Amino acid sequence: MTSLLAIAAISLYSIVRPAVLPLGDDSDPIYCSAVVVEHRLVTASHCLRVADGKVRIGGEVWPASRQVRDLTLMYVEMPQRGLVLRRTALRVGEEVFVLGHALGEVEPTLRRGIIAAVHADRVWLDLELLKGMSGGAVVDQDGRLIGLVKQVRYDADDNRITEIDTLEALHQVLGLRPITSSPIANKAARATGGDSRIKQRTRFP
């Protein structure tokens, strides 16, 4: 018997799947994804370093338009609306889902986890990813976009955690008014310079 959690995941995958596109094409695959949100196309900036600053999807080539941290908006208007951007703040413990083209596969892979920490300049997710999921969509239980896959961080004991940019950064790269940040979080970021304790080793998924 299919559980309610499985039914919810199946439904969410069908909703989010059309908005997650693989970069490159058959002759020049790039192991990264791009996401359609509000008629615009966004990907991870480090994916563009691999793609020579341009996105190639199905023979079309689009240059970058705006960059905020590891998020890059492409200079193109998509015919489909794609995902809806979340407008409210993130909460630790929320369930999240990631869809990305792992290992260069045509169909995206679905992963599930929770928000482990919300910092002023980054968000950590407690879930495991496969290589090639960079730039994939991170959505909440309602299928609203909260970020793109950025990187995996490791501590000295080889524990790992997935990192994405903040929801504010996603608003900024899309040219929207960012949501209000926590004064406490901002104060902490200024005091620490935004440094992470889990920074011994990083890897792009």
Protein backbone atom coordinates (compact mmCIF):
# COMPACT_ATOMS: atom_id res chain seq x y z
CA MET A 1 0.00 0.00 0.00
CA THR A 2 1.43 3.37 -1.01
CA SER A 3 1.96 5.69 1.96
CA LEU A 4 0.72 9.27 2.07
CA LEU A 5 4.34 10.50 2.05
CA ALA A 6 5.05 8.54 -1.13
CA ILE A 7 1.88 9.85 -2.79
CA ALA A 8 2.89 13.41 -1.91
CA ALA A 9 6.39 12.87 -3.34
CA ILE A 10 5.01 11.38 -6.55
CA SER A 11 2.65 14.32 -6.99
CA LEU A 12 5.38 16.86 -6.27
CA TYR A 13 7.77 15.23 -8.76
CA SER A 14 5.18 15.46 -11.54
CA ILE A 15 4.69 19.17 -10.81
CA VAL A 16 8.35 20.15 -10.53
CA ARG A 17 9.78 17.84 -13.22
CA PRO A 18 8.91 20.03 -16.30
CA ALA A 19 10.71 23.03 -14.78
CA VAL A 20 14.09 21.30 -14.26
CA LEU A 21 16.18 21.23 -17.45
CA PRO A 22 19.54 19.56 -18.13
CA LEU A 23 22.31 21.81 -19.38
CA GLY A 24 24.04 21.08 -22.65
CA ASP A 25 22.77 18.76 -25.37
CA ASP A 26 23.45 15.27 -26.70
CA SER A 27 26.70 16.30 -28.36
CA ASP A 28 27.91 18.48 -25.47
CA PRO A 29 26.38 17.35 -22.14
CA ILE A 30 27.04 19.36 -18.97
CA TYR A 31 26.38 17.65 -15.67
CA CYS A 32 24.26 20.45 -14.21
CA SER A 33 20.65 21.62 -14.25
CA ALA A 34 18.76 24.87 -14.79
CA VAL A 35 15.37 25.78 -13.34
CA VAL A 36 12.48 27.68 -14.88
CA VAL A 37 10.86 30.00 -12.34
CA GLU A 38 8.33 32.75 -13.07
CA HIS A 39 9.10 32.54 -16.85
CA ARG A 40 12.84 32.96 -16.23
CA LEU A 41 15.77 30.56 -16.27
CA VAL A 42 18.20 30.30 -13.35
CA THR A 43 21.19 28.04 -12.80
CA ALA A 44 24.17 27.71 -10.46
CA SER A 45 27.00 30.08 -11.39
CA HIS A 46 29.66 27.40 -11.06
CA CYS A 47 27.81 25.43 -13.76
CA LEU A 48 28.40 28.33 -16.16
CA ARG A 49 32.14 28.15 -15.56
CA VAL A 50 31.93 24.66 -17.01
CA ALA A 51 29.64 25.87 -19.79
CA ASP A 52 31.87 28.83 -20.79
CA GLY A 53 29.40 31.37 -19.43
CA LYS A 54 26.50 30.27 -21.60
CA VAL A 55 23.67 27.77 -21.27
CA ARG A 56 23.03 25.31 -24.07
CA ILE A 57 19.69 23.53 -23.99
CA GLY A 58 18.29 21.71 -27.01
CA GLY A 59 20.50 23.57 -29.47
CA GLU A 60 19.66 27.04 -28.10
CA VAL A 61 22.41 29.16 -26.51
CA TRP A 62 21.67 31.82 -23.88
CA PRO A 63 24.17 34.12 -22.15
CA ALA A 64 24.10 35.12 -18.49
CA SER A 65 22.20 38.23 -17.43
CA ARG A 66 22.68 38.69 -13.65
CA GLN A 67 24.63 36.91 -10.94
CA VAL A 68 24.11 36.88 -7.15
CA ARG A 69 26.46 34.58 -5.23
CA ASP A 70 26.20 31.14 -6.87
CA LEU A 71 22.96 31.99 -8.68
CA THR A 72 22.87 33.20 -12.28
CA LEU A 73 19.86 34.48 -14.20
CA MET A 74 19.98 33.73 -17.92
CA TYR A 75 19.07 36.31 -20.55
CA VAL A 76 15.96 34.56 -21.83
CA GLU A 77 12.20 34.60 -21.24
CA MET A 78 10.76 31.10 -21.03
CA PRO A 79 7.33 30.35 -22.55
CA GLN A 80 6.33 28.23 -19.57
CA ARG A 81 5.93 29.81 -16.14
CA GLY A 82 7.73 26.99 -14.37
CA LEU A 83 7.96 27.03 -10.60
CA VAL A 84 6.52 29.62 -8.24
CA LEU A 85 9.02 31.39 -6.01
CA ARG A 86 8.47 31.09 -2.27
CA ARG A 87 7.85 34.45 -0.58
CA THR A 88 8.04 33.50 3.10
CA ALA A 89 11.05 32.80 5.32
CA LEU A 90 12.51 29.31 5.69
CA ARG A 91 12.25 27.36 8.94
CA VAL A 92 14.64 24.77 10.33
CA GLY A 93 13.06 21.32 10.23
CA GLU A 94 10.94 21.90 7.12
CA GLU A 95 10.83 19.03 4.67
CA VAL A 96 12.39 19.84 1.29
CA PHE A 97 12.87 18.06 -2.03
CA VAL A 98 15.61 18.36 -4.65
CA LEU A 99 15.30 17.55 -8.35
CA GLY A 100 18.44 17.53 -10.47
CA HIS A 101 19.93 15.65 -13.40
CA ALA A 102 22.23 13.32 -11.47
CA LEU A 103 25.11 11.72 -13.38
CA GLY A 104 23.94 13.42 -16.58
CA GLU A 105 20.75 11.38 -16.85
CA VAL A 106 17.91 12.71 -19.00
CA GLU A 107 15.33 12.29 -16.25
CA PRO A 108 15.96 14.19 -12.99
CA THR A 109 16.55 12.40 -9.70
CA LEU A 110 14.40 13.19 -6.64
CA ARG A 111 15.92 13.47 -3.15
CA ARG A 112 14.15 14.30 0.12
CA GLY A 113 15.46 15.85 3.36
CA ILE A 114 15.00 18.71 5.79
CA ILE A 115 16.33 22.23 6.31
CA ALA A 116 19.11 21.71 8.84
CA ALA A 117 20.16 25.34 9.42
CA VAL A 118 19.31 28.82 8.15
CA HIS A 119 22.23 31.25 8.28
CA ALA A 120 22.38 34.86 7.11
CA ASP A 121 24.36 33.97 3.98
CA ARG A 122 23.61 30.28 3.38
CA VAL A 123 21.17 27.47 4.10
CA TRP A 124 22.13 23.91 4.98
CA LEU A 125 20.04 20.89 4.00
CA ASP A 126 20.21 17.46 5.60
CA LEU A 127 20.07 15.28 2.50
CA GLU A 128 22.45 13.42 0.22
CA LEU A 129 23.00 14.29 -3.42
CA LEU A 130 24.56 12.62 -6.43
CA LYS A 131 27.16 14.15 -8.73
CA GLY A 132 25.59 16.30 -11.40
CA MET A 133 22.71 17.69 -9.32
CA SER A 134 24.22 21.19 -9.15
CA GLY A 135 21.72 23.82 -10.23
CA GLY A 136 18.83 21.50 -9.45
CA ALA A 137 15.61 22.82 -7.92
CA VAL A 138 15.14 22.83 -4.15
CA VAL A 139 11.44 23.09 -3.34
CA ASP A 140 9.26 22.98 -0.24
CA GLN A 141 6.34 20.61 0.36
CA ASP A 142 4.09 22.83 -1.78
CA GLY A 143 6.48 22.74 -4.74
CA ARG A 144 7.59 26.37 -4.30
CA LEU A 145 11.20 27.11 -5.23
CA ILE A 146 13.43 27.94 -2.24
CA GLY A 147 16.84 27.58 -3.87
CA LEU A 148 19.20 25.82 -6.26
CA VAL A 149 21.76 23.19 -5.34
CA LYS A 150 25.07 24.92 -4.67
CA GLN A 151 27.65 22.58 -3.16
CA VAL A 152 28.35 19.87 -0.58
CA ARG A 153 30.50 20.80 2.41
CA TYR A 154 32.58 18.42 4.52
CA ASP A 155 33.93 18.82 8.05
CA ALA A 156 37.16 17.38 9.46
CA ASP A 157 35.43 14.05 10.19
CA ASP A 158 34.14 13.74 6.62
CA ASN A 159 30.55 14.50 7.61
CA ARG A 160 28.78 16.29 4.81
CA ILE A 161 25.90 18.70 4.36
CA THR A 162 24.28 20.22 1.28
CA GLU A 163 24.42 24.00 0.93
CA ILE A 164 22.21 26.40 -1.02
CA ASP A 165 22.15 30.18 -1.21
CA THR A 166 19.58 32.06 0.83
CA LEU A 167 16.02 32.72 -0.31
CA GLU A 168 16.94 36.43 -0.28
CA ALA A 169 19.69 35.79 -2.84
CA LEU A 170 17.19 33.99 -5.07
CA HIS A 171 14.86 36.99 -4.90
CA GLN A 172 17.75 39.31 -5.76
CA VAL A 173 18.95 37.40 -8.81
CA LEU A 174 15.38 37.42 -10.13
CA GLY A 175 15.22 41.18 -9.57
CA LEU A 176 12.53 40.95 -6.89
CA ARG A 177 12.31 42.64 -3.53
CA PRO A 178 13.99 40.27 -1.05
CA ILE A 179 12.11 39.00 1.97
CA THR A 180 13.02 40.50 5.33
CA SER A 181 16.03 38.83 6.93
CA SER A 182 16.33 38.04 10.61
CA PRO A 183 18.12 40.88 12.47
CA ILE A 184 19.72 38.28 14.72
CA ALA A 185 21.05 36.32 11.76
CA ASN A 186 22.38 39.48 10.12
CA LYS A 187 24.10 40.55 13.33
CA ALA A 188 25.71 37.13 13.64
CA ALA A 189 26.91 37.25 10.04
CA ARG A 190 28.56 40.63 10.58
CA ALA A 191 30.22 39.43 13.75
CA THR A 192 31.64 36.27 12.15
CA GLY A 193 32.19 37.57 8.64
CA GLY A 194 29.82 34.88 7.38
CA ASP A 195 32.44 32.14 7.79
CA SER A 196 31.39 28.51 8.04
CA ARG A 197 32.80 26.03 10.50
CA ILE A 198 32.24 23.31 7.92
CA LYS A 199 34.70 24.51 5.33
CA GLN A 200 37.59 22.05 5.27
CA ARG A 201 36.46 20.56 1.98
CA THR A 202 33.79 21.37 -0.57
CA ARG A 203 32.52 19.62 -3.65
CA PHE A 204 30.10 20.66 -6.37
CA PRO A 205 27.40 17.97 -6.81
